[in-house]
Protein backbone atom coordinates (compact mmCIF):
# COMPACT_ATOMS: atom_id res chain seq x y z
CA UNK A 1 56.34 52.06 159.90
CA UNK A 2 57.67 55.56 159.56
CA UNK A 3 58.89 57.63 156.67
CA UNK A 4 61.09 60.67 156.36
CA UNK A 5 62.11 63.12 153.69
CA UNK A 6 65.77 63.26 152.79
CA UNK A 7 67.44 65.97 150.77
CA UNK A 8 70.00 64.59 148.35
CA UNK A 9 72.34 67.08 146.74
CA UNK A 10 74.54 66.46 143.73
CA UNK A 11 78.24 67.10 144.20
CA UNK A 12 78.62 68.49 140.66
CA UNK A 13 76.76 70.86 138.37
CA UNK A 14 75.21 69.34 135.28
CA UNK A 15 72.16 68.13 133.41
CA UNK A 16 69.89 65.44 134.83
CA UNK A 17 69.98 62.57 132.34
CA UNK A 18 68.12 59.78 134.10
CA UNK A 19 66.19 58.92 137.27
CA UNK A 20 66.15 55.10 137.38
CA UNK A 21 64.04 54.84 140.58
CA UNK A 22 60.44 55.68 141.33
CA UNK A 23 58.58 56.76 144.44
CA UNK A 24 58.31 53.82 146.82
CA UNK A 25 61.42 51.99 145.56
CA UNK A 26 63.89 50.82 148.16
CA UNK A 27 67.37 52.32 147.96
CA UNK A 28 70.62 51.23 149.56
CA UNK A 29 73.40 53.52 150.67
CA UNK A 30 76.82 52.69 149.24
CA UNK A 31 79.26 50.89 151.53
CA UNK A 32 82.35 48.71 151.37
CA UNK A 33 80.34 45.76 150.08
CA UNK A 34 77.76 47.44 147.86
CA UNK A 35 77.85 50.24 145.31
CA UNK A 36 74.47 51.39 146.52
CA UNK A 37 71.43 52.36 144.46
CA UNK A 38 71.77 54.86 141.65
CA UNK A 39 68.95 57.36 142.05
CA UNK A 40 70.00 59.82 139.34
CA UNK A 41 72.51 60.23 136.53
CA UNK A 42 73.97 63.70 136.04
CA UNK A 43 76.41 64.86 133.38
CA UNK A 44 78.20 68.07 132.56
CA UNK A 45 77.36 68.42 128.86
CA UNK A 46 80.02 71.10 128.48
CA UNK A 47 82.70 68.46 129.11
CA UNK A 48 82.12 65.55 126.74
CA UNK A 49 84.29 62.47 126.18
CA UNK A 50 84.50 60.57 122.91
CA UNK A 51 84.70 56.79 123.32
CA UNK A 52 85.70 54.61 120.41
CA UNK A 53 87.68 51.58 119.30
CA UNK A 54 90.57 51.10 116.89
CA UNK A 55 91.92 47.99 115.24
CA UNK A 56 95.17 46.42 116.44
CA UNK A 57 96.76 47.28 113.10
CA UNK A 58 96.31 51.00 113.78
CA UNK A 59 96.75 51.31 117.55
CA UNK A 60 100.55 51.29 117.29
CA UNK A 61 100.40 54.54 115.30
CA UNK A 62 98.53 56.43 118.03
CA UNK A 63 100.01 58.67 120.70
CA UNK A 64 98.38 60.46 123.61
CA UNK A 65 97.65 64.07 122.79
CA UNK A 66 97.02 63.46 119.09
CA UNK A 67 94.26 65.64 117.58
CA UNK A 68 90.94 64.04 116.67
CA UNK A 69 88.18 65.29 114.41
CA UNK A 70 84.77 64.13 115.62
CA UNK A 71 81.73 63.79 113.34
CA UNK A 72 78.28 63.14 114.84
CA UNK A 73 75.64 61.03 113.15
CA UNK A 74 72.84 63.20 114.53
CA UNK A 75 74.33 66.53 113.40
CA UNK A 76 75.32 66.89 109.76
CA UNK A 77 78.06 69.18 108.47
CA UNK A 78 79.52 69.72 111.94
CA UNK A 79 82.98 68.70 113.09
CA UNK A 80 84.27 68.86 116.66
CA UNK A 81 87.89 68.93 117.70
CA UNK A 82 89.15 66.57 120.38
CA UNK A 83 92.41 65.37 121.89
CA UNK A 84 93.31 61.72 122.46
CA UNK A 85 93.67 61.13 126.20
CA UNK A 86 93.44 57.35 126.66
CA UNK A 87 94.55 54.24 124.78
CA UNK A 88 93.64 50.91 126.35
CA UNK A 89 96.68 48.82 127.34
CA UNK A 90 94.78 45.63 126.50
CA UNK A 91 92.70 44.74 123.46
CA UNK A 92 89.34 42.99 123.34
CA UNK A 93 88.49 40.43 120.67
CA UNK A 94 85.28 41.27 118.82
CA UNK A 95 84.02 39.34 115.79
CA UNK A 96 87.45 37.82 115.24
CA UNK A 97 89.32 41.15 115.39
CA UNK A 98 91.20 42.69 118.31
CA UNK A 99 89.97 46.18 119.20
CA UNK A 100 91.48 48.75 121.58
CA UNK A 101 89.34 51.31 123.38
CA UNK A 102 90.30 54.97 123.04
CA UNK A 103 88.97 58.15 124.63
CA UNK A 104 89.27 61.80 123.69
CA UNK A 105 88.37 65.10 125.36
CA UNK A 106 85.96 66.94 123.05
CA UNK A 107 86.01 70.70 122.55
CA UNK A 108 82.34 71.73 122.68
CA UNK A 109 81.07 74.26 120.16
CA UNK A 110 78.66 76.65 121.87
CA UNK A 111 76.64 77.03 118.66
CA UNK A 112 75.28 73.46 118.84
CA UNK A 113 73.76 71.37 121.61
CA UNK A 114 75.38 67.97 122.10
CA UNK A 115 73.45 65.21 123.84
CA UNK A 116 75.09 62.39 125.76
CA UNK A 117 75.01 59.09 123.91
CA UNK A 118 75.26 60.40 120.34
CA UNK A 119 76.97 58.01 117.94
CA UNK A 120 80.19 59.49 116.60
CA UNK A 121 83.20 58.73 114.44
CA UNK A 122 86.70 60.09 114.89
CA UNK A 123 89.32 60.82 112.25
CA UNK A 124 92.92 60.83 113.41
CA UNK A 125 95.57 62.82 111.58
CA UNK A 126 98.46 60.35 111.41
CA UNK A 127 100.51 62.41 108.96
CA UNK A 128 99.96 65.77 107.31
CA UNK A 129 101.53 67.61 104.37
CA UNK A 130 100.57 70.89 102.72
CA UNK A 131 100.57 71.88 99.04
CA UNK A 132 101.38 68.52 97.52
CA UNK A 133 100.47 66.73 94.29
CA UNK A 134 97.89 63.94 94.60
CA UNK A 135 96.07 61.60 92.25
CA UNK A 136 93.32 59.05 92.92
CA UNK A 137 95.06 55.95 94.22
CA UNK A 138 93.02 53.81 91.82
CA UNK A 139 95.02 55.27 88.90
CA UNK A 140 98.25 53.65 90.11
CA UNK A 141 99.56 50.53 88.42
CA UNK A 142 102.40 48.30 89.62
CA UNK A 143 105.06 46.56 87.57
CA UNK A 144 104.60 42.79 87.75
CA UNK A 145 108.35 42.15 88.03
CA UNK A 146 109.63 45.02 90.18
CA UNK A 147 106.37 45.95 91.95
CA UNK A 148 107.25 49.62 91.37
CA UNK A 149 104.37 52.07 90.86
CA UNK A 150 103.67 53.77 87.52
CA UNK A 151 100.87 55.53 85.64
CA UNK A 152 100.05 56.03 81.97
CA UNK A 153 100.28 59.63 80.78
CA UNK A 154 98.67 61.07 77.64
CA UNK A 155 101.12 62.01 74.88
CA UNK A 156 98.55 62.63 72.15
CA UNK A 157 95.08 61.69 70.99
CA UNK A 158 94.53 58.28 72.60
CA UNK A 159 98.28 57.83 72.89
CA UNK A 160 99.91 57.12 76.24
CA UNK A 161 103.31 56.38 77.71
CA UNK A 162 104.34 54.70 80.93
CA UNK A 163 105.65 57.04 83.61
CA UNK A 164 107.35 55.67 86.74
CA UNK A 165 106.41 57.63 89.86
CA UNK A 166 107.54 57.93 93.46
CA UNK A 167 104.64 57.86 95.90
CA UNK A 168 104.22 59.25 99.42
CA UNK A 169 101.43 59.27 101.98
CA UNK A 170 97.91 58.03 101.25
CA UNK A 171 94.49 58.46 102.81
CA UNK A 172 93.08 55.36 101.13
CA UNK A 173 91.49 57.43 98.34
CA UNK A 174 94.18 59.84 97.14
CA UNK A 175 97.93 59.31 97.14
CA UNK A 176 100.84 61.74 97.10
CA UNK A 177 103.07 61.86 94.02
CA UNK A 178 106.57 62.81 95.15
CA UNK A 179 108.15 62.75 91.69
CA UNK A 180 107.50 61.55 88.15
CA UNK A 181 104.57 63.80 87.19
CA UNK A 182 103.82 67.47 86.65
CA UNK A 183 100.55 69.32 87.08
CA UNK A 184 100.25 69.56 83.29
CA UNK A 185 100.26 65.77 82.84
CA UNK A 186 97.02 63.90 82.20
CA UNK A 187 96.78 60.39 83.61
CA UNK A 188 94.90 57.62 81.83
CA UNK A 189 91.71 56.47 83.53
CA UNK A 190 89.32 53.97 81.94
CA UNK A 191 90.35 55.04 78.42
CA UNK A 192 89.96 58.68 79.43
CA UNK A 193 92.38 61.22 80.86
CA UNK A 194 92.16 63.09 84.13
CA UNK A 195 94.15 66.21 85.10
CA UNK A 196 96.62 65.99 87.94
CA UNK A 197 95.22 67.32 91.22
CA UNK A 198 96.82 69.49 93.85
CA UNK A 199 96.12 68.49 97.46
CA UNK A 200 95.95 71.47 99.81
CA UNK A 201 96.11 69.03 102.71
CA UNK A 202 96.89 65.36 102.41
CA UNK A 203 96.41 63.57 105.73
CA UNK A 204 96.81 60.04 106.98
CA UNK A 205 93.05 59.76 107.32
CA UNK A 206 91.44 62.42 105.19
CA UNK A 207 92.27 64.50 102.10
CA UNK A 208 90.79 66.58 99.28
CA UNK A 209 91.34 67.05 95.56
CA UNK A 210 91.37 70.45 93.88
CA UNK A 211 92.07 71.66 90.37
CA UNK A 212 95.76 72.14 89.69
CA UNK A 213 96.99 75.69 89.92
């Protein structure tokens, strides 16, 4: 038998992630019938792709190019921006629910080192409004006959009145109040009152509450 040394050069620059073969292993060159043997995995860690899945109830709201906000389980208090670049044309059933694969190009922050394979979650901004009034969605009540939303507003010491309101966008925690309340109103909550909040940014996925001003 004879042996020979072969120089194998990568066609891209990157970081060596894995060498799945060892000295003495047989390798096969790729051809029309075989993908060949993978001898190394290389990735450009400056160009990362987010891969995730969304439920069929949400996929219809997505559009290519939408901004994503990526949070990493391994790195706290860090958010990365990304842009949605792929939405699967076909869903896959998982645990009784249909999921659609999505991908996004991630903008890498030079101040942190991102490793391939990190678990991550993405928030998608489906709708955004600035300088709006919000209250916790749990404070809303609905009329049994008309199904219209209302809240109870303090009029005195342990005295309240019903106030019909018009609602807008929600992030699942806070909800926009379009009309029916002022920032001076106090809304009943578990036999207590809570001041109205001003939302600096109320988004389809995320939002904040701040003291009224």
